Amino acid sequence: MAYECVIDGQIYVFEADYGEEMETARIIVRSAAGGPEGLFFVQRDGALEAADDLPGFGPNPVAADGLWPLPPTQAIEDAQRMAEQKGLDD
């Protein structure tokens, strides 16, 4: 499921998905301003890790520090459930 948020006057879309990584799900974040996408890994316990240094992802083009805003709680919970399901498949 995707979540649209306005943060500091910018529109961001956060989308949880299963991803290819073992035992984690991911949240991809996009800015309405365009540019590279951001990436967060979500562990089964809900721990969040920024991973926009992977190929195909990059810094936030509209933030002076290049950091992506944290995903909303609902997106983290969705991704956590996905990571838990992946753990059951082992």
PDB file of N, CA and C in Angstrom:
ATOM      1  N   MET A   1       0.840  -1.172   0.000  1.00  0.00           N
ATOM      2  CA  MET A   1       0.000   0.000   0.000  1.00  0.00           C
ATOM      3  C   MET A   1       0.892   1.244   0.000  1.00  0.00           C
ATOM      4  N   ALA A   2       0.450   2.277  -0.666  1.00  0.00           N
ATOM      5  CA  ALA A   2       1.211   3.521  -0.750  1.00  0.00           C
ATOM      6  C   ALA A   2       0.562   4.593   0.141  1.00  0.00           C
ATOM      7  N   TYR A   3       1.419   5.423   0.715  1.00  0.00           N
ATOM      8  CA  TYR A   3       0.969   6.513   1.579  1.00  0.00           C
ATOM      9  C   TYR A   3       1.568   7.811   1.072  1.00  0.00           C
ATOM     10  N   GLU A   4       0.724   8.800   0.871  1.00  0.00           N
ATOM     11  CA  GLU A   4       1.182  10.117   0.425  1.00  0.00           C
ATOM     12  C   GLU A   4       1.184  11.056   1.622  1.00  0.00           C
ATOM     13  N   CYS A   5       2.288  11.775   1.801  1.00  0.00           N
ATOM     14  CA  CYS A   5       2.440  12.696   2.931  1.00  0.00           C
ATOM     15  C   CYS A   5       3.030  14.005   2.435  1.00  0.00           C
ATOM     16  N   VAL A   6       2.609  15.093   3.051  1.00  0.00           N
ATOM     17  CA  VAL A   6       3.234  16.392   2.808  1.00  0.00           C
ATOM     18  C   VAL A   6       4.130  16.675   4.009  1.00  0.00           C
ATOM     19  N   ILE A   7       5.434  16.800   3.747  1.00  0.00           N
ATOM     20  CA  ILE A   7       6.418  17.028   4.799  1.00  0.00           C
ATOM     21  C   ILE A   7       7.258  18.226   4.393  1.00  0.00           C
ATOM     22  N   ASP A   8       7.287  19.239   5.245  1.00  0.00           N
ATOM     23  CA  ASP A   8       8.023  20.473   4.954  1.00  0.00           C
ATOM     24  C   ASP A   8       7.665  21.039   3.584  1.00  0.00           C
ATOM     25  N   GLY A   9       6.384  20.977   3.235  1.00  0.00           N
ATOM     26  CA  GLY A   9       5.901  21.545   1.984  1.00  0.00           C
ATOM     27  C   GLY A   9       6.163  20.691   0.748  1.00  0.00           C
ATOM     28  N   GLN A  10       6.751  19.516   0.910  1.00  0.00           N
ATOM     29  CA  GLN A  10       7.036  18.613  -0.211  1.00  0.00           C
ATOM     30  C   GLN A  10       6.117  17.391  -0.136  1.00  0.00           C
ATOM     31  N   ILE A  11       5.707  16.900  -1.292  1.00  0.00           N
ATOM     32  CA  ILE A  11       4.870  15.704  -1.339  1.00  0.00           C
ATOM     33  C   ILE A  11       5.766  14.486  -1.517  1.00  0.00           C
ATOM     34  N   TYR A  12       5.574  13.507  -0.639  1.00  0.00           N
ATOM     35  CA  TYR A  12       6.314  12.251  -0.699  1.00  0.00           C
ATOM     36  C   TYR A  12       5.327  11.093  -0.753  1.00  0.00           C
ATOM     37  N   VAL A  13       5.700  10.049  -1.482  1.00  0.00           N
ATOM     38  CA  VAL A  13       4.916   8.818  -1.517  1.00  0.00           C
ATOM     39  C   VAL A  13       5.799   7.699  -0.976  1.00  0.00           C
ATOM     40  N   PHE A  14       5.286   6.992   0.023  1.00  0.00           N
ATOM     41  CA  PHE A  14       5.985   5.879   0.668  1.00  0.00           C
ATOM     42  C   PHE A  14       5.247   4.599   0.305  1.00  0.00           C
ATOM     43  N   GLU A  15       5.970   3.615  -0.234  1.00  0.00           N
ATOM     44  CA  GLU A  15       5.339   2.366  -0.642  1.00  0.00           C
ATOM     45  C   GLU A  15       6.100   1.168  -0.068  1.00  0.00           C
ATOM     46  N   ALA A  16       5.394   0.366   0.718  1.00  0.00           N
ATOM     47  CA  ALA A  16       5.992  -0.842   1.291  1.00  0.00           C
ATOM     48  C   ALA A  16       5.913  -1.964   0.265  1.00  0.00           C
ATOM     49  N   ASP A  17       6.978  -2.769   0.201  1.00  0.00           N
ATOM     50  CA  ASP A  17       6.950  -3.951  -0.658  1.00  0.00           C
ATOM     51  C   ASP A  17       7.881  -5.015  -0.120  1.00  0.00           C
ATOM     52  N   TYR A  18       7.671  -6.249  -0.598  1.00  0.00           N
ATOM     53  CA  TYR A  18       8.431  -7.385  -0.081  1.00  0.00           C
ATOM     54  C   TYR A  18       9.912  -7.284  -0.408  1.00  0.00           C
ATOM     55  N   GLY A  19      10.268  -6.781  -1.568  1.00  0.00           N
ATOM     56  CA  GLY A  19      11.669  -6.660  -1.939  1.00  0.00           C
ATOM     57  C   GLY A  19      12.338  -8.003  -2.141  1.00  0.00           C
ATOM     58  N   GLU A  20      13.604  -7.962  -2.473  1.00  0.00           N
ATOM     59  CA  GLU A  20      14.380  -9.170  -2.754  1.00  0.00           C
ATOM     60  C   GLU A  20      15.262  -9.596  -1.578  1.00  0.00           C
ATOM     61  N   GLU A  21      15.393  -8.750  -0.582  1.00  0.00           N
ATOM     62  CA  GLU A  21      16.294  -8.997   0.534  1.00  0.00           C
ATOM     63  C   GLU A  21      15.702 -10.061   1.461  1.00  0.00           C
ATOM     64  N   MET A  22      16.569 -10.846   2.067  1.00  0.00           N
ATOM     65  CA  MET A  22      16.130 -11.899   2.992  1.00  0.00           C
ATOM     66  C   MET A  22      15.692 -11.292   4.326  1.00  0.00           C
ATOM     67  N   GLU A  23      14.560 -11.740   4.817  1.00  0.00           N
ATOM     68  CA  GLU A  23      14.057 -11.418   6.146  1.00  0.00           C
ATOM     69  C   GLU A  23      13.820  -9.934   6.404  1.00  0.00           C
ATOM     70  N   THR A  24      13.793  -9.133   5.360  1.00  0.00           N
ATOM     71  CA  THR A  24      13.422  -7.729   5.501  1.00  0.00           C
ATOM     72  C   THR A  24      12.434  -7.386   4.400  1.00  0.00           C
ATOM     73  N   ALA A  25      11.653  -6.372   4.648  1.00  0.00           N
ATOM     74  CA  ALA A  25      10.818  -5.775   3.613  1.00  0.00           C
ATOM     75  C   ALA A  25      11.430  -4.412   3.339  1.00  0.00           C
ATOM     76  N   ARG A  26      10.859  -3.692   2.405  1.00  0.00           N
ATOM     77  CA  ARG A  26      11.429  -2.381   2.112  1.00  0.00           C
ATOM     78  C   ARG A  26      10.330  -1.363   1.891  1.00  0.00           C
ATOM     79  N   ILE A  27      10.702  -0.129   2.097  1.00  0.00           N
ATOM     80  CA  ILE A  27       9.828   1.001   1.807  1.00  0.00           C
ATOM     81  C   ILE A  27      10.578   1.877   0.819  1.00  0.00           C
ATOM     82  N   ILE A  28       9.955   2.095  -0.323  1.00  0.00           N
ATOM     83  CA  ILE A  28      10.522   2.985  -1.329  1.00  0.00           C
ATOM     84  C   ILE A  28       9.825   4.327  -1.174  1.00  0.00           C
ATOM     85  N   VAL A  29      10.601   5.406  -1.177  1.00  0.00           N
ATOM     86  CA  VAL A  29      10.034   6.748  -1.031  1.00  0.00           C
ATOM     87  C   VAL A  29      10.386   7.557  -2.273  1.00  0.00           C
ATOM     88  N   ARG A  30       9.366   8.260  -2.758  1.00  0.00           N
ATOM     89  CA  ARG A  30       9.533   9.102  -3.944  1.00  0.00           C
ATOM     90  C   ARG A  30       9.102  10.525  -3.608  1.00  0.00           C
ATOM     91  N   SER A  31       9.782  11.471  -4.216  1.00  0.00           N
ATOM     92  CA  SER A  31       9.423  12.876  -4.063  1.00  0.00           C
ATOM     93  C   SER A  31       8.671  13.318  -5.314  1.00  0.00           C
ATOM     94  N   ALA A  32       7.639  14.129  -5.130  1.00  0.00           N
ATOM     95  CA  ALA A  32       6.909  14.666  -6.277  1.00  0.00           C
ATOM     96  C   ALA A  32       7.808  15.555  -7.129  1.00  0.00           C
ATOM     97  N   ALA A  33       8.925  16.012  -6.563  1.00  0.00           N
ATOM     98  CA  ALA A  33       9.854  16.865  -7.306  1.00  0.00           C
ATOM     99  C   ALA A  33      10.689  16.056  -8.302  1.00  0.00           C
ATOM    100  N   GLY A  34      10.618  14.729  -8.231  1.00  0.00           N
ATOM    101  CA  GLY A  34      11.391  13.884  -9.135  1.00  0.00           C
ATOM    102  C   GLY A  34      12.753  13.549  -8.558  1.00  0.00           C
ATOM    103  N   GLY A  35      13.612  12.995  -9.389  1.00  0.00           N
ATOM    104  CA  GLY A  35      14.947  12.611  -8.943  1.00  0.00           C
ATOM    105  C   GLY A  35      14.986  11.180  -8.466  1.00  0.00           C
ATOM    106  N   PRO A  36      16.078  10.784  -7.808  1.00  0.00           N
ATOM    107  CA  PRO A  36      16.218   9.397  -7.358  1.00  0.00           C
ATOM    108  C   PRO A  36      15.202   9.060  -6.268  1.00  0.00           C
ATOM    109  N   GLU A  37      15.022   7.778  -6.044  1.00  0.00           N
ATOM    110  CA  GLU A  37      14.140   7.297  -4.985  1.00  0.00           C
ATOM    111  C   GLU A  37      14.957   7.002  -3.740  1.00  0.00           C
ATOM    112  N   GLY A  38      14.293   7.034  -2.596  1.00  0.00           N
ATOM    113  CA  GLY A  38      14.922   6.646  -1.345  1.00  0.00           C
ATOM    114  C   GLY A  38      14.501   5.232  -0.981  1.00  0.00           C
ATOM    115  N   LEU A  39      15.252   4.594  -0.104  1.00  0.00           N
ATOM    116  CA  LEU A  39      14.972   3.220   0.279  1.00  0.00           C
ATOM    117  C   LEU A  39      15.225   3.036   1.767  1.00  0.00           C
ATOM    118  N   PHE A  40      14.284   2.353   2.417  1.00  0.00           N
ATOM    119  CA  PHE A  40      14.435   1.945   3.809  1.00  0.00           C
ATOM    120  C   PHE A  40      14.187   0.449   3.883  1.00  0.00           C
ATOM    121  N   PHE A  41      15.009  -0.273   4.645  1.00  0.00           N
ATOM    122  CA  PHE A  41      14.750  -1.672   4.970  1.00  0.00           C
ATOM    123  C   PHE A  41      14.024  -1.706   6.302  1.00  0.00           C
ATOM    124  N   VAL A  42      13.080  -2.631   6.431  1.00  0.00           N
ATOM    125  CA  VAL A  42      12.343  -2.809   7.678  1.00  0.00           C
ATOM    126  C   VAL A  42      12.521  -4.266   8.113  1.00  0.00           C
ATOM    127  N   GLN A  43      13.015  -4.436   9.329  1.00  0.00           N
ATOM    128  CA  GLN A  43      13.228  -5.764   9.903  1.00  0.00           C
ATOM    129  C   GLN A  43      11.924  -6.305  10.486  1.00  0.00           C
ATOM    130  N   ARG A  44      11.920  -7.576  10.845  1.00  0.00           N
ATOM    131  CA  ARG A  44      10.729  -8.193  11.449  1.00  0.00           C
ATOM    132  C   ARG A  44      10.323  -7.522  12.750  1.00  0.00           C
ATOM    133  N   ASP A  45      11.294  -6.948  13.467  1.00  0.00           N
ATOM    134  CA  ASP A  45      10.976  -6.278  14.735  1.00  0.00           C
ATOM    135  C   ASP A  45      10.580  -4.814  14.544  1.00  0.00           C
ATOM    136  N   GLY A  46      10.501  -4.369  13.276  1.00  0.00           N
ATOM    137  CA  GLY A  46      10.112  -2.994  12.983  1.00  0.00           C
ATOM    138  C   GLY A  46      11.275  -2.024  12.882  1.00  0.00           C
ATOM    139  N   ALA A  47      12.498  -2.515  13.109  1.00  0.00           N
ATOM    140  CA  ALA A  47      13.677  -1.641  12.994  1.00  0.00           C
ATOM    141  C   ALA A  47      13.808  -1.147  11.554  1.00  0.00           C
ATOM    142  N   LEU A  48      14.180   0.103  11.429  1.00  0.00           N
ATOM    143  CA  LEU A  48      14.258   0.785  10.145  1.00  0.00           C
ATOM    144  C   LEU A  48      15.703   1.128   9.835  1.00  0.00           C
ATOM    145  N   GLU A  49      16.122   0.892   8.583  1.00  0.00           N
ATOM    146  CA  GLU A  49      17.488   1.201   8.170  1.00  0.00           C
ATOM    147  C   GLU A  49      17.459   1.898   6.809  1.00  0.00           C
ATOM    148  N   ALA A  50      18.019   3.095   6.735  1.00  0.00           N
ATOM    149  CA  ALA A  50      18.117   3.797   5.445  1.00  0.00           C
ATOM    150  C   ALA A  50      19.094   3.044   4.550  1.00  0.00           C
ATOM    151  N   ALA A  51      18.732   2.897   3.275  1.00  0.00           N
ATOM    152  CA  ALA A  51      19.570   2.130   2.349  1.00  0.00           C
ATOM    153  C   ALA A  51      19.617   2.792   0.976  1.00  0.00           C
ATOM    154  N   ASP A  52      19.554   4.115   0.942  1.00  0.00           N
ATOM    155  CA  ASP A  52      19.528   4.803  -0.351  1.00  0.00           C
ATOM    156  C   ASP A  52      20.900   4.851  -1.020  1.00  0.00           C
ATOM    157  N   ASP A  53      21.902   4.175  -0.435  1.00  0.00           N
ATOM    158  CA  ASP A  53      23.220   4.109  -1.054  1.00  0.00           C
ATOM    159  C   ASP A  53      23.328   2.924  -2.018  1.00  0.00           C
ATOM    160  N   LEU A  54      22.264   2.139  -2.152  1.00  0.00           N
ATOM    161  CA  LEU A  54      22.276   1.008  -3.080  1.00  0.00           C
ATOM    162  C   LEU A  54      22.040   1.488  -4.512  1.00  0.00           C
ATOM    163  N   PRO A  55      22.522   0.740  -5.505  1.00  0.00           N
ATOM    164  CA  PRO A  55      22.321   1.136  -6.909  1.00  0.00           C
ATOM    165  C   PRO A  55      20.836   1.340  -7.220  1.00  0.00           C
ATOM    166  N   GLY A  56      20.539   2.411  -7.936  1.00  0.00           N
ATOM    167  CA  GLY A  56      19.169   2.731  -8.302  1.00  0.00           C
ATOM    168  C   GLY A  56      18.469   3.652  -7.325  1.00  0.00           C
ATOM    169  N   PHE A  57      19.098   3.938  -6.215  1.00  0.00           N
ATOM    170  CA  PHE A  57      18.525   4.825  -5.207  1.00  0.00           C
ATOM    171  C   PHE A  57      19.511   5.954  -4.941  1.00  0.00           C
ATOM    172  N   GLY A  58      19.067   6.996  -4.240  1.00  0.00           N
ATOM    173  CA  GLY A  58      19.977   8.097  -3.995  1.00  0.00           C
ATOM    174  C   GLY A  58      19.454   9.068  -2.968  1.00  0.00           C
ATOM    175  N   PRO A  59      20.171  10.173  -2.789  1.00  0.00           N
ATOM    176  CA  PRO A  59      19.779  11.168  -1.786  1.00  0.00           C
ATOM    177  C   PRO A  59      18.517  11.918  -2.192  1.00  0.00           C
ATOM    178  N   ASN A  60      17.880  12.489  -1.204  1.00  0.00           N
ATOM    179  CA  ASN A  60      16.671  13.279  -1.416  1.00  0.00           C
ATOM    180  C   ASN A  60      17.054  14.596  -2.101  1.00  0.00           C
ATOM    181  N   PRO A  61      16.579  14.825  -3.321  1.00  0.00           N
ATOM    182  CA  PRO A  61      16.985  16.023  -4.058  1.00  0.00           C
ATOM    183  C   PRO A  61      16.413  17.334  -3.511  1.00  0.00           C
ATOM    184  N   VAL A  62      15.388  17.261  -2.671  1.00  0.00           N
ATOM    185  CA  VAL A  62      14.785  18.494  -2.161  1.00  0.00           C
ATOM    186  C   VAL A  62      15.200  18.815  -0.728  1.00  0.00           C
ATOM    187  N   ALA A  63      16.019  17.964  -0.127  1.00  0.00           N
ATOM    188  CA  ALA A  63      16.489  18.215   1.245  1.00  0.00           C
ATOM    189  C   ALA A  63      17.942  18.667   1.199  1.00  0.00           C
ATOM    190  N   ALA A  64      18.256  19.723   1.921  1.00  0.00           N
ATOM    191  CA  ALA A  64      19.622  20.254   1.935  1.00  0.00           C
ATOM    192  C   ALA A  64      20.633  19.213   2.399  1.00  0.00           C
ATOM    193  N   ASP A  65      20.225  18.349   3.338  1.00  0.00           N
ATOM    194  CA  ASP A  65      21.140  17.318   3.850  1.00  0.00           C
ATOM    195  C   ASP A  65      21.063  16.013   3.057  1.00  0.00           C
ATOM    196  N   GLY A  66      20.146  15.939   2.084  1.00  0.00           N
ATOM    197  CA  GLY A  66      20.013  14.754   1.247  1.00  0.00           C
ATOM    198  C   GLY A  66      19.282  13.594   1.903  1.00  0.00           C
ATOM    199  N   LEU A  67      18.847  13.766   3.156  1.00  0.00           N
ATOM    200  CA  LEU A  67      18.183  12.680   3.876  1.00  0.00           C
ATOM    201  C   LEU A  67      16.701  12.614   3.520  1.00  0.00           C
ATOM    202  N   TRP A  68      16.190  11.402   3.458  1.00  0.00           N
ATOM    203  CA  TRP A  68      14.771  11.187   3.217  1.00  0.00           C
ATOM    204  C   TRP A  68      14.023  11.249   4.542  1.00  0.00           C
ATOM    205  N   PRO A  69      12.784  11.764   4.538  1.00  0.00           N
ATOM    206  CA  PRO A  69      12.010  11.766   5.783  1.00  0.00           C
ATOM    207  C   PRO A  69      11.638  10.341   6.173  1.00  0.00           C
ATOM    208  N   LEU A  70      11.431  10.123   7.455  1.00  0.00           N
ATOM    209  CA  LEU A  70      11.031   8.809   7.935  1.00  0.00           C
ATOM    210  C   LEU A  70       9.640   8.464   7.416  1.00  0.00           C
ATOM    211  N   PRO A  71       9.434   7.210   7.072  1.00  0.00           N
ATOM    212  CA  PRO A  71       8.115   6.793   6.598  1.00  0.00           C
ATOM    213  C   PRO A  71       7.068   6.920   7.697  1.00  0.00           C
ATOM    214  N   PRO A  72       5.799   7.075   7.295  1.00  0.00           N
ATOM    215  CA  PRO A  72       4.739   7.115   8.306  1.00  0.00           C
ATOM    216  C   PRO A  72       4.608   5.757   9.001  1.00  0.00           C
ATOM    217  N   THR A  73       4.071   5.781  10.195  1.00  0.00           N
ATOM    218  CA  THR A  73       3.922   4.571  11.003  1.00  0.00           C
ATOM    219  C   THR A  73       3.183   3.469  10.249  1.00  0.00           C
ATOM    220  N   GLN A  74       2.141   3.823   9.502  1.00  0.00           N
ATOM    221  CA  GLN A  74       1.360   2.813   8.788  1.00  0.00           C
ATOM    222  C   GLN A  74       2.222   2.066   7.768  1.00  0.00           C
ATOM    223  N   ALA A  75       3.096   2.786   7.062  1.00  0.00           N
ATOM    224  CA  ALA A  75       3.971   2.152   6.069  1.00  0.00           C
ATOM    225  C   ALA A  75       4.969   1.226   6.760  1.00  0.00           C
ATOM    226  N   ILE A  76       5.496   1.650   7.907  1.00  0.00           N
ATOM    227  CA  ILE A  76       6.433   0.802   8.653  1.00  0.00           C
ATOM    228  C   ILE A  76       5.726  -0.466   9.134  1.00  0.00           C
ATOM    229  N   GLU A  77       4.504  -0.320   9.634  1.00  0.00           N
ATOM    230  CA  GLU A  77       3.750  -1.489  10.100  1.00  0.00           C
ATOM    231  C   GLU A  77       3.454  -2.444   8.949  1.00  0.00           C
ATOM    232  N   ASP A  78       3.089  -1.913   7.770  1.00  0.00           N
ATOM    233  CA  ASP A  78       2.860  -2.760   6.591  1.00  0.00           C
ATOM    234  C   ASP A  78       4.127  -3.539   6.242  1.00  0.00           C
ATOM    235  N   ALA A  79       5.250  -2.844   6.195  1.00  0.00           N
ATOM    236  CA  ALA A  79       6.521  -3.482   5.837  1.00  0.00           C
ATOM    237  C   ALA A  79       6.933  -4.500   6.903  1.00  0.00           C
ATOM    238  N   GLN A  80       6.676  -4.191   8.154  1.00  0.00           N
ATOM    239  CA  GLN A  80       7.014  -5.133   9.232  1.00  0.00           C
ATOM    240  C   GLN A  80       6.221  -6.427   9.064  1.00  0.00           C
ATOM    241  N   ARG A  81       4.934  -6.325   8.746  1.00  0.00           N
ATOM    242  CA  ARG A  81       4.119  -7.529   8.517  1.00  0.00           C
ATOM    243  C   ARG A  81       4.681  -8.330   7.338  1.00  0.00           C
ATOM    244  N   MET A  82       5.117  -7.646   6.289  1.00  0.00           N
ATOM    245  CA  MET A  82       5.706  -8.335   5.139  1.00  0.00           C
ATOM    246  C   MET A  82       6.978  -9.067   5.543  1.00  0.00           C
ATOM    247  N   ALA A  83       7.816  -8.403   6.333  1.00  0.00           N
ATOM    248  CA  ALA A  83       9.067  -9.032   6.790  1.00  0.00           C
ATOM    249  C   ALA A  83       8.764 -10.254   7.665  1.00  0.00           C
ATOM    250  N   GLU A  84       7.743 -10.150   8.504  1.00  0.00           N
ATOM    251  CA  GLU A  84       7.360 -11.286   9.342  1.00  0.00           C
ATOM    252  C   GLU A  84       6.895 -12.460   8.477  1.00  0.00           C
ATOM    253  N   GLN A  85       6.133 -12.177   7.430  1.00  0.00           N
ATOM    254  CA  GLN A  85       5.660 -13.227   6.523  1.00  0.00           C
ATOM    255  C   GLN A  85       6.843 -13.886   5.811  1.00  0.00           C
ATOM    256  N   LYS A  86       7.814 -13.095   5.417  1.00  0.00           N
ATOM    257  CA  LYS A  86       8.988 -13.661   4.763  1.00  0.00           C
ATOM    258  C   LYS A  86       9.737 -14.591   5.714  1.00  0.00           C
ATOM    259  N   GLY A  87       9.771 -14.238   6.993  1.00  0.00           N
ATOM    260  CA  GLY A  87      10.435 -15.072   7.984  1.00  0.00           C
ATOM    261  C   GLY A  87       9.726 -16.406   8.174  1.00  0.00           C
ATOM    262  N   LEU A  88       8.405 -16.443   7.974  1.00  0.00           N
ATOM    263  CA  LEU A  88       7.642 -17.678   8.110  1.00  0.00           C
ATOM    264  C   LEU A  88       7.909 -18.633   6.950  1.00  0.00           C
ATOM    265  N   ASP A  89       8.322 -18.075   5.818  1.00  0.00           N
ATOM    266  CA  ASP A  89       8.586 -18.885   4.623  1.00  0.00           C
ATOM    267  C   ASP A  89       9.913 -19.624   4.696  1.00  0.00           C
ATOM    268  N   ASP A  90      10.767 -19.292   5.680  1.00  0.00           N
ATOM    269  CA  ASP A  90      12.086 -19.926   5.801  1.00  0.00           C
ATOM    270  C   ASP A  90      11.982 -21.377   6.202  1.00  0.00           C
TER     271      ASP A  90
END
